[in-house]
Amino acid sequence: MLTNIIVWIILGAIAGWIASMIMGRNAQMGALANIVVGIIGAIIGGWIMSAMGGPGVTGFNIPSLLVSILGAVVLLFLVGLVRR
């Protein structure tokens, strides 16, 4: 169980960091924010992919990372809309 938590944190950090660079918010976010955005992004991305009939986050692999980045980008976009 501890390994799963560590994998979620690592995947979240990487996905959140890449998504923040894509959305141009890398300077505004710290490491903790990247982890939180990445983990929530993995949940959102998994939901989006399952709604489209595809696999969600299946583990620590490239397809799961891409799904997490997709969800994190969507999350940052929605947060940007709310903040305006």
N, C-alpha and C. Protein backbone atom coordinates (compact mmCIF):
# COMPACT_ATOMS: atom_id res chain seq x y z
N MET A 1 0.82 -1.19 0.00
CA MET A 1 0.00 0.00 0.00
C MET A 1 0.87 1.26 0.00
N LEU A 2 1.94 1.25 0.76
CA LEU A 2 2.83 2.41 0.79
C LEU A 2 3.45 2.65 -0.58
N THR A 3 3.74 1.57 -1.28
CA THR A 3 4.31 1.69 -2.62
C THR A 3 3.33 2.37 -3.56
N ASN A 4 2.05 2.03 -3.46
CA ASN A 4 1.04 2.66 -4.31
C ASN A 4 0.94 4.15 -4.05
N ILE A 5 1.02 4.54 -2.79
CA ILE A 5 0.95 5.96 -2.44
C ILE A 5 2.17 6.70 -3.01
N ILE A 6 3.34 6.09 -2.91
CA ILE A 6 4.55 6.72 -3.44
C ILE A 6 4.47 6.84 -4.95
N VAL A 7 3.94 5.81 -5.62
CA VAL A 7 3.78 5.86 -7.08
C VAL A 7 2.81 6.96 -7.47
N TRP A 8 1.69 7.10 -6.75
CA TRP A 8 0.72 8.18 -7.04
C TRP A 8 1.38 9.55 -6.86
N ILE A 9 2.21 9.71 -5.83
CA ILE A 9 2.88 10.99 -5.61
C ILE A 9 3.86 11.29 -6.73
N ILE A 10 4.64 10.30 -7.14
CA ILE A 10 5.61 10.50 -8.22
C ILE A 10 4.90 10.80 -9.54
N LEU A 11 3.90 9.99 -9.88
CA LEU A 11 3.14 10.21 -11.11
C LEU A 11 2.45 11.58 -11.07
N GLY A 12 1.89 11.94 -9.92
CA GLY A 12 1.24 13.24 -9.78
C GLY A 12 2.21 14.39 -9.94
N ALA A 13 3.39 14.25 -9.38
CA ALA A 13 4.39 15.31 -9.48
C ALA A 13 4.83 15.52 -10.92
N ILE A 14 5.08 14.43 -11.62
CA ILE A 14 5.52 14.54 -13.01
C ILE A 14 4.40 15.10 -13.88
N ALA A 15 3.20 14.55 -13.74
CA ALA A 15 2.06 15.01 -14.55
C ALA A 15 1.72 16.46 -14.25
N GLY A 16 1.70 16.84 -12.98
CA GLY A 16 1.40 18.21 -12.61
C GLY A 16 2.43 19.20 -13.12
N TRP A 17 3.69 18.81 -13.05
CA TRP A 17 4.77 19.67 -13.53
C TRP A 17 4.68 19.87 -15.04
N ILE A 18 4.47 18.79 -15.79
CA ILE A 18 4.35 18.90 -17.25
C ILE A 18 3.12 19.72 -17.62
N ALA A 19 1.99 19.48 -16.94
CA ALA A 19 0.77 20.24 -17.23
C ALA A 19 0.95 21.72 -16.91
N SER A 20 1.66 22.03 -15.83
CA SER A 20 1.88 23.44 -15.50
C SER A 20 2.76 24.12 -16.54
N MET A 21 3.70 23.39 -17.11
CA MET A 21 4.52 23.96 -18.18
C MET A 21 3.68 24.15 -19.45
N ILE A 22 2.82 23.20 -19.76
CA ILE A 22 1.96 23.33 -20.94
C ILE A 22 1.03 24.53 -20.80
N MET A 23 0.49 24.73 -19.62
CA MET A 23 -0.46 25.82 -19.40
C MET A 23 0.22 27.14 -19.04
N GLY A 24 1.53 27.17 -18.96
CA GLY A 24 2.26 28.41 -18.68
C GLY A 24 2.17 28.86 -17.24
N ARG A 25 2.00 27.94 -16.31
CA ARG A 25 1.88 28.30 -14.89
C ARG A 25 3.00 27.72 -14.05
N ASN A 26 4.07 27.31 -14.67
CA ASN A 26 5.14 26.66 -13.94
C ASN A 26 5.75 27.57 -12.88
N ALA A 27 5.86 28.85 -13.16
CA ALA A 27 6.46 29.78 -12.21
C ALA A 27 5.54 30.05 -11.02
N GLN A 28 4.25 29.81 -11.17
CA GLN A 28 3.28 30.10 -10.12
C GLN A 28 3.05 28.92 -9.18
N MET A 29 3.53 27.75 -9.55
CA MET A 29 3.21 26.55 -8.79
C MET A 29 4.47 25.97 -8.16
N GLY A 30 4.33 25.46 -6.96
CA GLY A 30 5.42 24.77 -6.30
C GLY A 30 5.28 23.27 -6.45
N ALA A 31 6.16 22.55 -5.78
CA ALA A 31 6.17 21.09 -5.89
C ALA A 31 4.89 20.47 -5.34
N LEU A 32 4.42 20.96 -4.20
CA LEU A 32 3.21 20.41 -3.60
C LEU A 32 2.00 20.65 -4.50
N ALA A 33 1.91 21.83 -5.07
CA ALA A 33 0.80 22.14 -5.98
C ALA A 33 0.86 21.25 -7.22
N ASN A 34 2.06 20.98 -7.73
CA ASN A 34 2.20 20.09 -8.88
C ASN A 34 1.72 18.68 -8.54
N ILE A 35 2.06 18.20 -7.35
CA ILE A 35 1.63 16.86 -6.93
C ILE A 35 0.12 16.79 -6.83
N VAL A 36 -0.49 17.79 -6.18
CA VAL A 36 -1.94 17.80 -6.01
C VAL A 36 -2.64 17.89 -7.37
N VAL A 37 -2.17 18.79 -8.23
CA VAL A 37 -2.77 18.94 -9.56
C VAL A 37 -2.61 17.65 -10.35
N GLY A 38 -1.47 17.00 -10.25
CA GLY A 38 -1.24 15.76 -10.98
C GLY A 38 -2.13 14.63 -10.51
N ILE A 39 -2.31 14.50 -9.20
CA ILE A 39 -3.17 13.43 -8.66
C ILE A 39 -4.63 13.68 -9.01
N ILE A 40 -5.09 14.90 -8.83
CA ILE A 40 -6.48 15.22 -9.22
C ILE A 40 -6.63 15.10 -10.73
N GLY A 41 -5.60 15.49 -11.47
CA GLY A 41 -5.61 15.34 -12.92
C GLY A 41 -5.70 13.89 -13.35
N ALA A 42 -5.06 12.99 -12.61
CA ALA A 42 -5.15 11.56 -12.93
C ALA A 42 -6.58 11.07 -12.75
N ILE A 43 -7.25 11.56 -11.72
CA ILE A 43 -8.65 11.17 -11.50
C ILE A 43 -9.52 11.72 -12.62
N ILE A 44 -9.34 12.99 -12.95
CA ILE A 44 -10.14 13.60 -14.03
C ILE A 44 -9.82 12.94 -15.37
N GLY A 45 -8.55 12.73 -15.67
CA GLY A 45 -8.16 12.09 -16.92
C GLY A 45 -8.70 10.67 -17.02
N GLY A 46 -8.66 9.93 -15.92
CA GLY A 46 -9.22 8.58 -15.91
C GLY A 46 -10.71 8.58 -16.17
N TRP A 47 -11.40 9.57 -15.59
CA TRP A 47 -12.84 9.69 -15.82
C TRP A 47 -13.13 10.04 -17.28
N ILE A 48 -12.37 10.96 -17.85
CA ILE A 48 -12.55 11.35 -19.26
C ILE A 48 -12.30 10.16 -20.17
N MET A 49 -11.21 9.44 -19.92
CA MET A 49 -10.88 8.30 -20.78
C MET A 49 -11.90 7.17 -20.66
N SER A 50 -12.40 6.91 -19.46
CA SER A 50 -13.39 5.85 -19.31
C SER A 50 -14.71 6.26 -19.96
N ALA A 51 -15.02 7.56 -19.95
CA ALA A 51 -16.24 8.03 -20.62
C ALA A 51 -16.12 7.88 -22.14
N MET A 52 -14.89 7.92 -22.64
CA MET A 52 -14.66 7.76 -24.08
C MET A 52 -14.41 6.30 -24.45
N GLY A 53 -14.43 5.40 -23.47
CA GLY A 53 -14.25 3.98 -23.74
C GLY A 53 -12.81 3.51 -23.70
N GLY A 54 -11.90 4.35 -23.29
CA GLY A 54 -10.49 3.98 -23.23
C GLY A 54 -10.08 3.63 -21.81
N PRO A 55 -8.87 3.13 -21.67
CA PRO A 55 -8.37 2.82 -20.32
C PRO A 55 -7.98 4.09 -19.58
N GLY A 56 -8.18 4.09 -18.30
CA GLY A 56 -7.78 5.24 -17.49
C GLY A 56 -6.34 5.08 -17.04
N VAL A 57 -6.09 5.42 -15.80
CA VAL A 57 -4.77 5.27 -15.22
C VAL A 57 -4.63 3.82 -14.77
N THR A 58 -3.67 3.11 -15.36
CA THR A 58 -3.53 1.68 -15.10
C THR A 58 -2.27 1.33 -14.32
N GLY A 59 -1.48 2.29 -13.97
CA GLY A 59 -0.25 2.03 -13.23
C GLY A 59 0.79 3.07 -13.57
N PHE A 60 2.02 2.75 -13.27
CA PHE A 60 3.12 3.68 -13.52
C PHE A 60 3.70 3.36 -14.90
N ASN A 61 3.08 3.93 -15.93
CA ASN A 61 3.51 3.72 -17.31
C ASN A 61 3.22 4.96 -18.14
N ILE A 62 3.69 4.97 -19.38
CA ILE A 62 3.54 6.15 -20.24
C ILE A 62 2.07 6.47 -20.55
N PRO A 63 1.23 5.49 -20.91
CA PRO A 63 -0.18 5.84 -21.17
C PRO A 63 -0.87 6.46 -19.95
N SER A 64 -0.58 5.95 -18.76
CA SER A 64 -1.17 6.53 -17.55
C SER A 64 -0.66 7.94 -17.31
N LEU A 65 0.62 8.17 -17.60
CA LEU A 65 1.17 9.51 -17.45
C LEU A 65 0.48 10.48 -18.41
N LEU A 66 0.25 10.05 -19.64
CA LEU A 66 -0.42 10.91 -20.61
C LEU A 66 -1.86 11.21 -20.20
N VAL A 67 -2.55 10.21 -19.65
CA VAL A 67 -3.92 10.42 -19.16
C VAL A 67 -3.90 11.41 -18.00
N SER A 68 -2.92 11.28 -17.11
CA SER A 68 -2.81 12.19 -15.97
C SER A 68 -2.50 13.62 -16.43
N ILE A 69 -1.64 13.75 -17.43
CA ILE A 69 -1.32 15.08 -17.96
C ILE A 69 -2.56 15.69 -18.58
N LEU A 70 -3.32 14.90 -19.34
CA LEU A 70 -4.57 15.40 -19.95
C LEU A 70 -5.51 15.92 -18.87
N GLY A 71 -5.71 15.14 -17.84
CA GLY A 71 -6.59 15.57 -16.76
C GLY A 71 -6.08 16.80 -16.03
N ALA A 72 -4.77 16.88 -15.82
CA ALA A 72 -4.19 18.03 -15.14
C ALA A 72 -4.31 19.29 -15.97
N VAL A 73 -4.15 19.17 -17.29
CA VAL A 73 -4.33 20.33 -18.18
C VAL A 73 -5.78 20.80 -18.12
N VAL A 74 -6.72 19.86 -18.14
CA VAL A 74 -8.14 20.22 -18.04
C VAL A 74 -8.40 20.92 -16.71
N LEU A 75 -7.84 20.39 -15.63
CA LEU A 75 -8.02 21.00 -14.31
C LEU A 75 -7.47 22.42 -14.27
N LEU A 76 -6.25 22.61 -14.77
CA LEU A 76 -5.66 23.95 -14.77
C LEU A 76 -6.45 24.91 -15.65
N PHE A 77 -6.98 24.43 -16.76
CA PHE A 77 -7.81 25.26 -17.63
C PHE A 77 -9.08 25.70 -16.90
N LEU A 78 -9.74 24.77 -16.21
CA LEU A 78 -10.96 25.10 -15.48
C LEU A 78 -10.68 26.05 -14.32
N VAL A 79 -9.56 25.85 -13.63
CA VAL A 79 -9.19 26.76 -12.54
C VAL A 79 -8.92 28.14 -13.09
N GLY A 80 -8.29 28.22 -14.26
CA GLY A 80 -8.04 29.52 -14.90
C GLY A 80 -9.33 30.23 -15.27
N LEU A 81 -10.32 29.48 -15.72
CA LEU A 81 -11.62 30.09 -16.04
C LEU A 81 -12.31 30.63 -14.79
N VAL A 82 -12.22 29.90 -13.70
CA VAL A 82 -12.87 30.33 -12.46
C VAL A 82 -12.18 31.55 -11.87
N ARG A 83 -10.86 31.61 -11.97
CA ARG A 83 -10.12 32.74 -11.41
C ARG A 83 -10.30 34.04 -12.16
N ARG A 84 -10.72 33.99 -13.41
CA ARG A 84 -10.88 35.23 -14.19
C ARG A 84 -12.04 35.99 -13.76
